[in-house]
Amino acid sequence: MTGLQHLRPASDTLLRAEHLEVEFSVGRGQVVHAVSDVSLDLVRGETLGLVGESGCGKSTTGRALMQLPAPTRGRVMFDGHELTELTGAALRAVRPRLQMIFQDPISSLNPRRRIGSIVAEGLDIWKRGTAAERNAKVDEVLDAVGLDPETVRNRKPHQFSGGQCQRISIARAVITEPEVIVCDEPVSALDVSVQAQILNLLEDMKARYGLTLVFIAHDLAVVKHVSDRVMVMYLGKVCEVGSPDALYAAPRHPYTAALLTSIPVPDASVRPGDHPVLTGELPSPIKPPSGCRFRTRCPRAEERCALEEPELVPVSITHRGDDGAADDGDQADHYVACHFPLS
């Protein structure tokens, strides 16, 4: 089916979204096209990295997967449940298996409640175990995220640093033993040294609790460190999908290449001006460009780019057979939406 070529068989996936669209009315008949025809999937135990500039729709995509709010159009399937068709009690019953870590760790915690109560809230709502068992579970997850339960349990969020608050947010997310966690830029508000600690913690928690992650970020260096598969978005559309090794070694979309050149290099001999940079402003999602949405900032754009929207197709490669002759083929698990991809 068109637009779904990059998805794995539905029977192999834990979470799958098809043709996801999210639109917001802003009055006077205007509509923000935040997410437009995005399809993605995750197999159990995988980490999918969603990357792109601010305003590209990656956080809205993550929230749409959680039905916060539900997408305007499209389907979201989770372990045999079509979430877009669930409402009320049926949707609430699935909620403990899908959790989210928010971008701002401090504002995501209720300032009036104590940490023990915040972390235990999911268990209290669903009445899991006795009070003593719930308290023991809170102590277990606080210890797992590197916090001393006796020290932090009766304190409030304002008494902790941003990194500590993010650890508390992670504890709150894993306490209901979810299968999928959407991490919405979980390290962007933290110092660089703390970012490394939180990233390592997420990897440890993934292995310890058997988690499947959607990791949203604008920093491609961070995404490469944690992801098994990377999806690049621009103005609500998917530009490129692939494994980190393939995508970072040989990006095929001009936007992906521009994002990669923006990663700081710890080398004094490399000057910022040595690499091309994106020019122009991000177009308005209220009235996105026709055809390819990146064409207004793309140095390779031609007339076809304005007339025809590119589809996400396998990256074509040339390789040599045993006889030395060149053969055309498709690179496994690498897809690009561009009429004139980089070679």
C-alpha atoms as a PDB file:
ATOM      1  CA  MET A   1       0.000   0.000   0.000  1.00  0.00           C
ATOM      2  CA  THR A   2       1.244   3.489  -0.842  1.00  0.00           C
ATOM      3  CA  GLY A   3       3.058   5.154   2.020  1.00  0.00           C
ATOM      4  CA  LEU A   4       3.510   1.936   3.995  1.00  0.00           C
ATOM      5  CA  GLN A   5       6.501   0.430   2.177  1.00  0.00           C
ATOM      6  CA  HIS A   6       8.828   1.075   5.116  1.00  0.00           C
ATOM      7  CA  LEU A   7       6.646  -0.771   7.636  1.00  0.00           C
ATOM      8  CA  ARG A   8       7.339  -4.324   8.757  1.00  0.00           C
ATOM      9  CA  PRO A   9       4.613  -7.047   8.701  1.00  0.00           C
ATOM     10  CA  ALA A  10       1.825  -6.147  11.132  1.00  0.00           C
ATOM     11  CA  SER A  11       2.144  -9.517  12.859  1.00  0.00           C
ATOM     12  CA  ASP A  12       5.738  -8.660  13.885  1.00  0.00           C
ATOM     13  CA  THR A  13       5.023  -5.238  15.378  1.00  0.00           C
ATOM     14  CA  LEU A  14       3.930  -4.167  18.849  1.00  0.00           C
ATOM     15  CA  LEU A  15       2.928  -0.612  17.897  1.00  0.00           C
ATOM     16  CA  ARG A  16       1.928   0.465  14.403  1.00  0.00           C
ATOM     17  CA  ALA A  17       0.519   3.734  13.061  1.00  0.00           C
ATOM     18  CA  GLU A  18      -0.814   4.118   9.529  1.00  0.00           C
ATOM     19  CA  HIS A  19      -1.468   7.400   7.694  1.00  0.00           C
ATOM     20  CA  LEU A  20      -1.495   9.423  10.901  1.00  0.00           C
ATOM     21  CA  GLU A  21      -2.790  12.997  10.557  1.00  0.00           C
ATOM     22  CA  VAL A  22      -3.242  15.609  13.265  1.00  0.00           C
ATOM     23  CA  GLU A  23      -4.862  18.975  12.558  1.00  0.00           C
ATOM     24  CA  PHE A  24      -5.733  21.860  14.881  1.00  0.00           C
ATOM     25  CA  SER A  25      -8.221  24.608  14.159  1.00  0.00           C
ATOM     26  CA  VAL A  26      -6.876  28.078  14.980  1.00  0.00           C
ATOM     27  CA  GLY A  27      -9.993  30.061  14.067  1.00  0.00           C
ATOM     28  CA  ARG A  28     -11.116  32.018  11.008  1.00  0.00           C
ATOM     29  CA  GLY A  29     -11.231  28.795   9.026  1.00  0.00           C
ATOM     30  CA  GLN A  30      -7.499  28.199   9.379  1.00  0.00           C
ATOM     31  CA  VAL A  31      -6.110  24.743  10.175  1.00  0.00           C
ATOM     32  CA  VAL A  32      -2.622  23.798  11.380  1.00  0.00           C
ATOM     33  CA  HIS A  33      -1.461  20.634   9.590  1.00  0.00           C
ATOM     34  CA  ALA A  34       0.776  19.420  12.419  1.00  0.00           C
ATOM     35  CA  VAL A  35       1.184  15.805  11.242  1.00  0.00           C
ATOM     36  CA  SER A  36       0.456  14.709   7.681  1.00  0.00           C
ATOM     37  CA  ASP A  37       0.314  11.068   6.579  1.00  0.00           C
ATOM     38  CA  VAL A  38       2.922   9.659   8.989  1.00  0.00           C
ATOM     39  CA  SER A  39       3.262   5.884   9.270  1.00  0.00           C
ATOM     40  CA  LEU A  40       5.598   4.101  11.680  1.00  0.00           C
ATOM     41  CA  ASP A  41       6.011   0.859  13.571  1.00  0.00           C
ATOM     42  CA  LEU A  42       7.979  -0.680  16.429  1.00  0.00           C
ATOM     43  CA  VAL A  43       8.845  -4.274  17.126  1.00  0.00           C
ATOM     44  CA  ARG A  44       9.040  -5.372  20.752  1.00  0.00           C
ATOM     45  CA  GLY A  45      12.231  -4.196  22.484  1.00  0.00           C
ATOM     46  CA  GLU A  46      13.090  -1.632  19.793  1.00  0.00           C
ATOM     47  CA  THR A  47      13.864   2.080  20.154  1.00  0.00           C
ATOM     48  CA  LEU A  48      12.569   4.327  17.358  1.00  0.00           C
ATOM     49  CA  GLY A  49      14.176   7.772  17.195  1.00  0.00           C
ATOM     50  CA  LEU A  50      12.036  10.650  15.873  1.00  0.00           C
ATOM     51  CA  VAL A  51      14.147  13.657  14.898  1.00  0.00           C
ATOM     52  CA  GLY A  52      13.684  17.032  13.256  1.00  0.00           C
ATOM     53  CA  GLU A  53      13.616  20.766  13.860  1.00  0.00           C
ATOM     54  CA  SER A  54      11.290  22.341  16.388  1.00  0.00           C
ATOM     55  CA  GLY A  55       7.821  22.495  14.851  1.00  0.00           C
ATOM     56  CA  CYS A  56       8.267  19.448  12.601  1.00  0.00           C
ATOM     57  CA  GLY A  57       5.481  17.519  14.370  1.00  0.00           C
ATOM     58  CA  LYS A  58       7.522  14.884  16.194  1.00  0.00           C
ATOM     59  CA  SER A  59       6.074  15.620  19.660  1.00  0.00           C
ATOM     60  CA  THR A  60       2.551  15.786  18.218  1.00  0.00           C
ATOM     61  CA  THR A  61       3.153  12.384  16.603  1.00  0.00           C
ATOM     62  CA  GLY A  62       4.174  10.947  19.966  1.00  0.00           C
ATOM     63  CA  ARG A  63       1.093  12.353  21.652  1.00  0.00           C
ATOM     64  CA  ALA A  64      -1.141  11.046  18.849  1.00  0.00           C
ATOM     65  CA  LEU A  65       0.234   7.541  19.457  1.00  0.00           C
ATOM     66  CA  MET A  66      -0.881   7.955  23.080  1.00  0.00           C
ATOM     67  CA  GLN A  67      -4.283   9.375  21.996  1.00  0.00           C
ATOM     68  CA  LEU A  68      -3.418  12.678  23.721  1.00  0.00           C
ATOM     69  CA  PRO A  69      -5.308  13.859  21.707  1.00  0.00           C
ATOM     70  CA  ALA A  70      -6.489  11.232  19.250  1.00  0.00           C
ATOM     71  CA  PRO A  71      -5.324  11.809  15.650  1.00  0.00           C
ATOM     72  CA  THR A  72      -7.643  13.551  13.221  1.00  0.00           C
ATOM     73  CA  ARG A  73      -7.266  10.682  10.763  1.00  0.00           C
ATOM     74  CA  GLY A  74      -5.350   7.418  10.604  1.00  0.00           C
ATOM     75  CA  ARG A  75      -5.002   4.258  12.678  1.00  0.00           C
ATOM     76  CA  VAL A  76      -2.913   3.335  15.708  1.00  0.00           C
ATOM     77  CA  MET A  77      -2.669  -0.379  16.519  1.00  0.00           C
ATOM     78  CA  PHE A  78      -1.130  -1.577  19.768  1.00  0.00           C
ATOM     79  CA  ASP A  79      -0.772  -5.301  20.424  1.00  0.00           C
ATOM     80  CA  GLY A  80      -3.987  -6.140  18.575  1.00  0.00           C
ATOM     81  CA  HIS A  81      -5.961  -3.128  19.844  1.00  0.00           C
ATOM     82  CA  GLU A  82      -6.912  -0.327  17.456  1.00  0.00           C
ATOM     83  CA  LEU A  83      -6.528   2.588  19.866  1.00  0.00           C
ATOM     84  CA  THR A  84      -8.319   5.083  17.621  1.00  0.00           C
ATOM     85  CA  GLU A  85     -11.525   3.088  18.019  1.00  0.00           C
ATOM     86  CA  LEU A  86     -11.312   2.781  21.828  1.00  0.00           C
ATOM     87  CA  THR A  87     -13.056   5.228  24.142  1.00  0.00           C
ATOM     88  CA  GLY A  88     -13.888   5.508  27.829  1.00  0.00           C
ATOM     89  CA  ALA A  89     -13.162   2.484  29.997  1.00  0.00           C
ATOM     90  CA  ALA A  90     -11.757   0.453  27.098  1.00  0.00           C
ATOM     91  CA  LEU A  91      -9.104   3.081  26.372  1.00  0.00           C
ATOM     92  CA  ARG A  92      -8.350   3.565  30.071  1.00  0.00           C
ATOM     93  CA  ALA A  93      -7.693  -0.167  30.419  1.00  0.00           C
ATOM     94  CA  VAL A  94      -4.875   0.084  27.851  1.00  0.00           C
ATOM     95  CA  ARG A  95      -3.331   3.232  29.377  1.00  0.00           C
ATOM     96  CA  PRO A  96      -1.042   1.496  31.933  1.00  0.00           C
ATOM     97  CA  ARG A  97       0.697  -0.311  29.072  1.00  0.00           C
ATOM     98  CA  LEU A  98       1.528   2.983  27.307  1.00  0.00           C
ATOM     99  CA  GLN A  99       3.341   5.691  29.241  1.00  0.00           C
ATOM    100  CA  MET A 100       5.029   8.999  28.459  1.00  0.00           C
ATOM    101  CA  ILE A 101       8.032  10.950  29.736  1.00  0.00           C
ATOM    102  CA  PHE A 102       7.547  14.655  29.137  1.00  0.00           C
ATOM    103  CA  GLN A 103      10.024  17.245  27.925  1.00  0.00           C
ATOM    104  CA  ASP A 104      10.011  19.508  31.007  1.00  0.00           C
ATOM    105  CA  PRO A 105      10.648  17.238  34.000  1.00  0.00           C
ATOM    106  CA  ILE A 106       9.858  19.879  36.623  1.00  0.00           C
ATOM    107  CA  SER A 107       6.512  21.140  35.312  1.00  0.00           C
ATOM    108  CA  SER A 108       5.348  17.568  34.618  1.00  0.00           C
ATOM    109  CA  LEU A 109       5.344  16.824  38.354  1.00  0.00           C
ATOM    110  CA  ASN A 110       2.549  18.086  40.626  1.00  0.00           C
ATOM    111  CA  PRO A 111       4.258  20.655  42.917  1.00  0.00           C
ATOM    112  CA  ARG A 112       1.758  20.045  45.742  1.00  0.00           C
ATOM    113  CA  ARG A 113       2.310  16.316  46.056  1.00  0.00           C
ATOM    114  CA  ARG A 114       5.173  14.383  47.588  1.00  0.00           C
ATOM    115  CA  ILE A 115       7.382  12.190  45.438  1.00  0.00           C
ATOM    116  CA  GLY A 116       6.155   8.925  46.936  1.00  0.00           C
ATOM    117  CA  SER A 117       2.569   9.862  46.075  1.00  0.00           C
ATOM    118  CA  ILE A 118       3.488  11.013  42.536  1.00  0.00           C
ATOM    119  CA  VAL A 119       5.310   7.788  41.684  1.00  0.00           C
ATOM    120  CA  ALA A 120       2.641   5.569  43.268  1.00  0.00           C
ATOM    121  CA  GLU A 121      -0.306   7.282  41.556  1.00  0.00           C
ATOM    122  CA  GLY A 122      -0.634   4.703  38.748  1.00  0.00           C
ATOM    123  CA  LEU A 123      -0.652   1.816  41.223  1.00  0.00           C
ATOM    124  CA  ASP A 124      -3.173   3.618  43.455  1.00  0.00           C
ATOM    125  CA  ILE A 125      -5.538   4.327  40.561  1.00  0.00           C
ATOM    126  CA  TRP A 126      -5.545   0.701  39.434  1.00  0.00           C
ATOM    127  CA  LYS A 127      -5.486  -0.712  43.000  1.00  0.00           C
ATOM    128  CA  ARG A 128      -2.542  -2.971  42.241  1.00  0.00           C
ATOM    129  CA  GLY A 129      -1.573  -4.976  45.298  1.00  0.00           C
ATOM    130  CA  THR A 130      -1.894  -3.988  48.929  1.00  0.00           C
ATOM    131  CA  ALA A 131      -0.700  -0.671  50.330  1.00  0.00           C
ATOM    132  CA  ALA A 132       2.462  -2.341  51.596  1.00  0.00           C
ATOM    133  CA  GLU A 133       3.137  -3.913  48.195  1.00  0.00           C
ATOM    134  CA  ARG A 134       2.634  -0.565  46.449  1.00  0.00           C
ATOM    135  CA  ASN A 135       5.053   1.127  48.845  1.00  0.00           C
ATOM    136  CA  ALA A 136       7.616  -1.586  48.196  1.00  0.00           C
ATOM    137  CA  LYS A 137       7.194  -1.123  44.440  1.00  0.00           C
ATOM    138  CA  VAL A 138       7.751   2.629  44.783  1.00  0.00           C
ATOM    139  CA  ASP A 139      10.953   1.985  46.715  1.00  0.00           C
ATOM    140  CA  GLU A 140      12.073  -0.487  44.045  1.00  0.00           C
ATOM    141  CA  VAL A 141      11.655   1.873  41.083  1.00  0.00           C
ATOM    142  CA  LEU A 142      13.127   4.883  42.929  1.00  0.00           C
ATOM    143  CA  ASP A 143      16.169   2.791  43.731  1.00  0.00           C
ATOM    144  CA  ALA A 144      16.306   1.611  40.100  1.00  0.00           C
ATOM    145  CA  VAL A 145      16.529   5.226  38.835  1.00  0.00           C
ATOM    146  CA  GLY A 146      19.309   6.029  41.283  1.00  0.00           C
ATOM    147  CA  LEU A 147      17.385   7.808  44.049  1.00  0.00           C
ATOM    148  CA  ASP A 148      17.355   6.884  47.737  1.00  0.00           C
ATOM    149  CA  PRO A 149      13.700   6.103  48.622  1.00  0.00           C
ATOM    150  CA  GLU A 150      14.100   7.100  52.271  1.00  0.00           C
ATOM    151  CA  THR A 151      15.521  10.476  51.281  1.00  0.00           C
ATOM    152  CA  VAL A 152      13.167  11.473  48.446  1.00  0.00           C
ATOM    153  CA  ARG A 153       9.828   9.819  49.269  1.00  0.00           C
ATOM    154  CA  ASN A 154       8.476  12.628  51.488  1.00  0.00           C
ATOM    155  CA  ARG A 155       9.974  15.572  49.610  1.00  0.00           C
ATOM    156  CA  LYS A 156       8.336  17.713  46.910  1.00  0.00           C
ATOM    157  CA  PRO A 157       9.464  18.366  43.310  1.00  0.00           C
ATOM    158  CA  HIS A 158      10.809  21.873  43.943  1.00  0.00           C
ATOM    159  CA  GLN A 159      13.466  20.370  46.223  1.00  0.00           C
ATOM    160  CA  PHE A 160      15.116  18.514  43.323  1.00  0.00           C
ATOM    161  CA  SER A 161      17.244  19.454  40.328  1.00  0.00           C
ATOM    162  CA  GLY A 162      16.082  18.991  36.739  1.00  0.00           C
ATOM    163  CA  GLY A 163      18.026  15.740  36.366  1.00  0.00           C
ATOM    164  CA  GLN A 164      16.569  14.353  39.586  1.00  0.00           C
ATOM    165  CA  CYS A 165      13.054  15.347  38.506  1.00  0.00           C
ATOM    166  CA  GLN A 166      13.583  13.494  35.217  1.00  0.00           C
ATOM    167  CA  ARG A 167      14.624  10.393  37.169  1.00  0.00           C
ATOM    168  CA  ILE A 168      11.390  10.710  39.162  1.00  0.00           C
ATOM    169  CA  SER A 169       9.426  11.038  35.904  1.00  0.00           C
ATOM    170  CA  ILE A 170      11.052   7.860  34.599  1.00  0.00           C
ATOM    171  CA  ALA A 171      10.176   6.044  37.840  1.00  0.00           C
ATOM    172  CA  ARG A 172       6.558   7.187  37.502  1.00  0.00           C
ATOM    173  CA  ALA A 173       6.452   5.943  33.913  1.00  0.00           C
ATOM    174  CA  VAL A 174       7.826   2.445  34.579  1.00  0.00           C
ATOM    175  CA  ILE A 175       5.978   1.675  37.811  1.00  0.00           C
ATOM    176  CA  THR A 176       2.879   0.359  36.016  1.00  0.00           C
ATOM    177  CA  GLU A 177       5.145  -2.000  34.021  1.00  0.00           C
ATOM    178  CA  PRO A 178       4.288  -0.559  30.586  1.00  0.00           C
ATOM    179  CA  GLU A 179       5.328  -2.094  27.305  1.00  0.00           C
ATOM    180  CA  VAL A 180       5.825   1.172  25.371  1.00  0.00           C
ATOM    181  CA  ILE A 181       7.140   4.514  26.631  1.00  0.00           C
ATOM    182  CA  VAL A 182       7.093   7.667  24.507  1.00  0.00           C
ATOM    183  CA  CYS A 183      10.066   9.819  25.560  1.00  0.00           C
ATOM    184  CA  ASP A 184       9.332  13.387  24.450  1.00  0.00           C
ATOM    185  CA  GLU A 185      12.739  15.114  24.370  1.00  0.00           C
ATOM    186  CA  PRO A 186      13.609  13.775  27.840  1.00  0.00           C
ATOM    187  CA  VAL A 187      17.092  15.337  27.929  1.00  0.00           C
ATOM    188  CA  SER A 188      16.706  18.619  26.028  1.00  0.00           C
ATOM    189  CA  ALA A 189      16.126  20.655  29.216  1.00  0.00           C
ATOM    190  CA  LEU A 190      19.126  19.155  31.031  1.00  0.00           C
ATOM    191  CA  ASP A 191      22.830  19.968  31.230  1.00  0.00           C
ATOM    192  CA  VAL A 192      25.085  17.956  28.913  1.00  0.00           C
ATOM    193  CA  SER A 193      26.649  15.981  31.776  1.00  0.00           C
ATOM    194  CA  VAL A 194      23.187  15.120  33.138  1.00  0.00           C
ATOM    195  CA  GLN A 195      21.968  14.185  29.650  1.00  0.00           C
ATOM    196  CA  ALA A 196      24.490  11.342  29.497  1.00  0.00           C
ATOM    197  CA  GLN A 197      23.331  10.046  32.875  1.00  0.00           C
ATOM    198  CA  ILE A 198      19.660  10.058  31.827  1.00  0.00           C
ATOM    199  CA  LEU A 199      20.415   8.390  28.475  1.00  0.00           C
ATOM    200  CA  ASN A 200      22.352   5.629  30.210  1.00  0.00           C
ATOM    201  CA  LEU A 201      19.530   5.296  32.735  1.00  0.00           C
ATOM    202  CA  LEU A 202      16.963   4.876  29.941  1.00  0.00           C
ATOM    203  CA  GLU A 203      19.097   2.134  28.388  1.00  0.00           C
ATOM    204  CA  ASP A 204      19.353   0.377  31.756  1.00  0.00           C
ATOM    205  CA  MET A 205      15.598   0.657  32.373  1.00  0.00           C
ATOM    206  CA  LYS A 206      14.863  -0.611  28.865  1.00  0.00           C
ATOM    207  CA  ALA A 207      16.886  -3.745  29.518  1.00  0.00           C
ATOM    208  CA  ARG A 208      15.613  -4.210  33.084  1.00  0.00           C
ATOM    209  CA  TYR A 209      11.890  -3.836  32.322  1.00  0.00           C
ATOM    210  CA  GLY A 210      11.804  -5.005  28.695  1.00  0.00           C
ATOM    211  CA  LEU A 211      10.642  -1.657  27.339  1.00  0.00           C
ATOM    212  CA  THR A 212       9.940  -0.508  23.791  1.00  0.00           C
ATOM    213  CA  LEU A 213      10.722   3.195  23.303  1.00  0.00           C
ATOM    214  CA  VAL A 214       9.786   6.060  21.013  1.00  0.00           C
ATOM    215  CA  PHE A 215      12.605   8.562  21.569  1.00  0.00           C
ATOM    216  CA  ILE A 216      11.824  12.087  20.350  1.00  0.00           C
ATOM    217  CA  ALA A 217      14.664  14.601  20.029  1.00  0.00           C
ATOM    218  CA  HIS A 218      16.122  17.309  17.804  1.00  0.00           C
ATOM    219  CA  ASP A 219      19.719  16.282  18.538  1.00  0.00           C
ATOM    220  CA  LEU A 220      20.798  13.631  16.040  1.00  0.00           C
ATOM    221  CA  ALA A 221      23.910  12.758  18.040  1.00  0.00           C
ATOM    222  CA  VAL A 222      21.710  11.800  20.998  1.00  0.00           C
ATOM    223  CA  VAL A 223      19.303   9.830  18.818  1.00  0.00           C
ATOM    224  CA  LYS A 224      22.103   7.802  17.246  1.00  0.00           C
ATOM    225  CA  HIS A 225      23.279   6.769  20.714  1.00  0.00           C
ATOM    226  CA  VAL A 226      19.955   5.227  21.768  1.00  0.00           C
ATOM    227  CA  SER A 227      18.024   4.239  18.614  1.00  0.00           C
ATOM    228  CA  ASP A 228      17.671   1.015  16.665  1.00  0.00           C
ATOM    229  CA  ARG A 229      15.835   2.840  13.877  1.00  0.00           C
ATOM    230  CA  VAL A 230      15.631   6.558  13.033  1.00  0.00           C
ATOM    231  CA  MET A 231      12.820   8.514  11.375  1.00  0.00           C
ATOM    232  CA  VAL A 232      13.474  12.077  10.193  1.00  0.00           C
ATOM    233  CA  MET A 233      10.519  14.488  10.008  1.00  0.00           C
ATOM    234  CA  TYR A 234      10.082  17.891   8.383  1.00  0.00           C
ATOM    235  CA  LEU A 235       6.943  20.026   8.621  1.00  0.00           C
ATOM    236  CA  GLY A 236       4.710  17.089   9.543  1.00  0.00           C
ATOM    237  CA  LYS A 237       6.057  14.676   6.914  1.00  0.00           C
ATOM    238  CA  VAL A 238       8.530  11.787   7.010  1.00  0.00           C
ATOM    239  CA  CYS A 239      11.693  12.516   4.990  1.00  0.00           C
ATOM    240  CA  GLU A 240      13.871   9.495   5.644  1.00  0.00           C
ATOM    241  CA  VAL A 241      13.822   6.249   7.621  1.00  0.00           C
ATOM    242  CA  GLY A 242      16.670   3.882   8.303  1.00  0.00           C
ATOM    243  CA  SER A 243      19.049   2.264  10.723  1.00  0.00           C
ATOM    244  CA  PRO A 244      21.362   4.729  12.508  1.00  0.00           C
ATOM    245  CA  ASP A 245      24.464   3.323  10.801  1.00  0.00           C
ATOM    246  CA  ALA A 246      23.029   3.622   7.282  1.00  0.00           C
ATOM    247  CA  LEU A 247      21.353   6.974   7.807  1.00  0.00           C
ATOM    248  CA  TYR A 248      24.300   8.664   9.519  1.00  0.00           C
ATOM    249  CA  ALA A 249      26.933   7.209   7.177  1.00  0.00           C
ATOM    250  CA  ALA A 250      25.101   8.010   3.946  1.00  0.00           C
ATOM    251  CA  PRO A 251      22.057  10.309   4.350  1.00  0.00           C
ATOM    252  CA  ARG A 252      20.011  10.431   1.154  1.00  0.00           C
ATOM    253  CA  HIS A 253      17.664  13.336   1.925  1.00  0.00           C
ATOM    254  CA  PRO A 254      19.161  16.872   1.758  1.00  0.00           C
ATOM    255  CA  TYR A 255      17.392  17.763   5.011  1.00  0.00           C
ATOM    256  CA  THR A 256      18.923  14.809   6.855  1.00  0.00           C
ATOM    257  CA  ALA A 257      22.342  15.750   5.529  1.00  0.00           C
ATOM    258  CA  ALA A 258      21.876  19.336   6.726  1.00  0.00           C
ATOM    259  CA  LEU A 259      20.879  18.144  10.194  1.00  0.00           C
ATOM    260  CA  LEU A 260      23.951  15.918  10.389  1.00  0.00           C
ATOM    261  CA  THR A 261      26.307  18.738   9.419  1.00  0.00           C
ATOM    262  CA  SER A 262      24.873  20.809  12.284  1.00  0.00           C
ATOM    263  CA  ILE A 263      26.231  18.358  14.877  1.00  0.00           C
ATOM    264  CA  PRO A 264      29.204  20.002  16.626  1.00  0.00           C
ATOM    265  CA  VAL A 265      32.528  18.306  15.881  1.00  0.00           C
ATOM    266  CA  PRO A 266      35.191  18.285  18.652  1.00  0.00           C
ATOM    267  CA  ASP A 267      37.933  19.221  16.219  1.00  0.00           C
ATOM    268  CA  ALA A 268      39.519  22.675  16.117  1.00  0.00           C
ATOM    269  CA  SER A 269      40.501  22.218  12.465  1.00  0.00           C
ATOM    270  CA  VAL A 270      36.856  21.916  11.384  1.00  0.00           C
ATOM    271  CA  ARG A 271      35.282  25.329  10.855  1.00  0.00           C
ATOM    272  CA  PRO A 272      31.476  25.824  10.993  1.00  0.00           C
ATOM    273  CA  GLY A 273      31.570  27.425   7.541  1.00  0.00           C
ATOM    274  CA  ASP A 274      33.061  24.324   5.956  1.00  0.00           C
ATOM    275  CA  HIS A 275      29.635  22.684   5.671  1.00  0.00           C
ATOM    276  CA  PRO A 276      26.455  23.924   3.949  1.00  0.00           C
ATOM    277  CA  VAL A 277      23.698  25.099   6.265  1.00  0.00           C
ATOM    278  CA  LEU A 278      19.958  25.398   5.849  1.00  0.00           C
ATOM    279  CA  THR A 279      18.747  28.813   4.733  1.00  0.00           C
ATOM    280  CA  GLY A 280      15.304  30.371   4.909  1.00  0.00           C
ATOM    281  CA  GLU A 281      12.556  30.005   7.470  1.00  0.00           C
ATOM    282  CA  LEU A 282      10.428  26.972   8.264  1.00  0.00           C
ATOM    283  CA  PRO A 283       7.191  27.393   6.248  1.00  0.00           C
ATOM    284  CA  SER A 284       3.881  27.766   8.068  1.00  0.00           C
ATOM    285  CA  PRO A 285       2.061  24.498   8.829  1.00  0.00           C
ATOM    286  CA  ILE A 286      -1.170  26.386   8.155  1.00  0.00           C
ATOM    287  CA  LYS A 287      -0.300  26.638   4.461  1.00  0.00           C
ATOM    288  CA  PRO A 288       2.544  24.191   3.735  1.00  0.00           C
ATOM    289  CA  PRO A 289       4.271  24.291   0.317  1.00  0.00           C
ATOM    290  CA  SER A 290       2.884  22.211  -2.515  1.00  0.00           C
ATOM    291  CA  GLY A 291       4.673  19.060  -3.593  1.00  0.00           C
ATOM    292  CA  CYS A 292       7.756  18.472  -1.463  1.00  0.00           C
ATOM    293  CA  ARG A 293       7.474  20.536   1.719  1.00  0.00           C
ATOM    294  CA  PHE A 294      11.238  20.955   1.940  1.00  0.00           C
ATOM    295  CA  ARG A 295      11.595  22.438  -1.548  1.00  0.00           C
ATOM    296  CA  THR A 296      11.558  26.077  -0.365  1.00  0.00           C
ATOM    297  CA  ARG A 297      14.849  25.466   1.496  1.00  0.00           C
ATOM    298  CA  CYS A 298      16.370  22.740  -0.647  1.00  0.00           C
ATOM    299  CA  PRO A 299      19.386  23.502  -2.879  1.00  0.00           C
ATOM    300  CA  ARG A 300      18.445  20.595  -5.189  1.00  0.00           C
ATOM    301  CA  ALA A 301      14.811  21.623  -5.786  1.00  0.00           C
ATOM    302  CA  GLU A 302      13.453  21.648  -9.337  1.00  0.00           C
ATOM    303  CA  GLU A 303      10.045  22.259 -10.912  1.00  0.00           C
ATOM    304  CA  ARG A 304       8.973  18.667 -10.288  1.00  0.00           C
ATOM    305  CA  CYS A 305       9.381  19.197  -6.533  1.00  0.00           C
ATOM    306  CA  ALA A 306       6.615  21.845  -6.550  1.00  0.00           C
ATOM    307  CA  LEU A 307       4.236  19.759  -8.640  1.00  0.00           C
ATOM    308  CA  GLU A 308       4.614  16.254  -7.228  1.00  0.00           C
ATOM    309  CA  GLU A 309       4.880  15.078  -3.626  1.00  0.00           C
ATOM    310  CA  PRO A 310       7.654  12.480  -3.251  1.00  0.00           C
ATOM    311  CA  GLU A 311       6.801   9.072  -1.827  1.00  0.00           C
ATOM    312  CA  LEU A 312       8.864   7.187   0.727  1.00  0.00           C
ATOM    313  CA  VAL A 313      10.697   4.541  -1.325  1.00  0.00           C
ATOM    314  CA  PRO A 314      13.638   2.174  -0.715  1.00  0.00           C
ATOM    315  CA  VAL A 315      17.050   3.722  -1.235  1.00  0.00           C
ATOM    316  CA  SER A 316      18.540   2.489  -4.495  1.00  0.00           C
ATOM    317  CA  ILE A 317      22.163   1.361  -4.317  1.00  0.00           C
ATOM    318  CA  THR A 318      24.675  -0.062  -6.734  1.00  0.00           C
ATOM    319  CA  HIS A 319      26.692  -3.046  -5.605  1.00  0.00           C
ATOM    320  CA  ARG A 320      28.999  -5.468  -7.367  1.00  0.00           C
ATOM    321  CA  GLY A 321      28.350  -9.165  -7.713  1.00  0.00           C
ATOM    322  CA  ASP A 322      30.850 -11.999  -7.543  1.00  0.00           C
ATOM    323  CA  ASP A 323      31.776 -11.387 -11.182  1.00  0.00           C
ATOM    324  CA  GLY A 324      32.560  -7.740 -10.511  1.00  0.00           C
ATOM    325  CA  ALA A 325      29.591  -6.458 -12.500  1.00  0.00           C
ATOM    326  CA  ALA A 326      27.482  -3.681 -11.005  1.00  0.00           C
ATOM    327  CA  ASP A 327      23.938  -4.557 -10.005  1.00  0.00           C
ATOM    328  CA  ASP A 328      21.113  -2.249  -8.965  1.00  0.00           C
ATOM    329  CA  GLY A 329      19.331  -3.091  -5.771  1.00  0.00           C
ATOM    330  CA  ASP A 330      17.584  -1.678  -2.728  1.00  0.00           C
ATOM    331  CA  GLN A 331      19.316  -1.013   0.562  1.00  0.00           C
ATOM    332  CA  ALA A 332      17.560  -2.916   3.325  1.00  0.00           C
ATOM    333  CA  ASP A 333      15.654  -0.791   5.848  1.00  0.00           C
ATOM    334  CA  HIS A 334      16.594   2.585   4.343  1.00  0.00           C
ATOM    335  CA  TYR A 335      13.874   4.707   2.746  1.00  0.00           C
ATOM    336  CA  VAL A 336      13.820   8.286   1.478  1.00  0.00           C
ATOM    337  CA  ALA A 337      11.117  10.672   0.215  1.00  0.00           C
ATOM    338  CA  CYS A 338      12.972  12.785  -2.353  1.00  0.00           C
ATOM    339  CA  HIS A 339      12.812  13.182  -6.142  1.00  0.00           C
ATOM    340  CA  PHE A 340      16.547  13.918  -6.295  1.00  0.00           C
ATOM    341  CA  PRO A 341      18.174  12.060  -3.387  1.00  0.00           C
ATOM    342  CA  LEU A 342      21.836  12.443  -2.554  1.00  0.00           C
ATOM    343  CA  SER A 343      24.105   9.823  -4.048  1.00  0.00           C
END
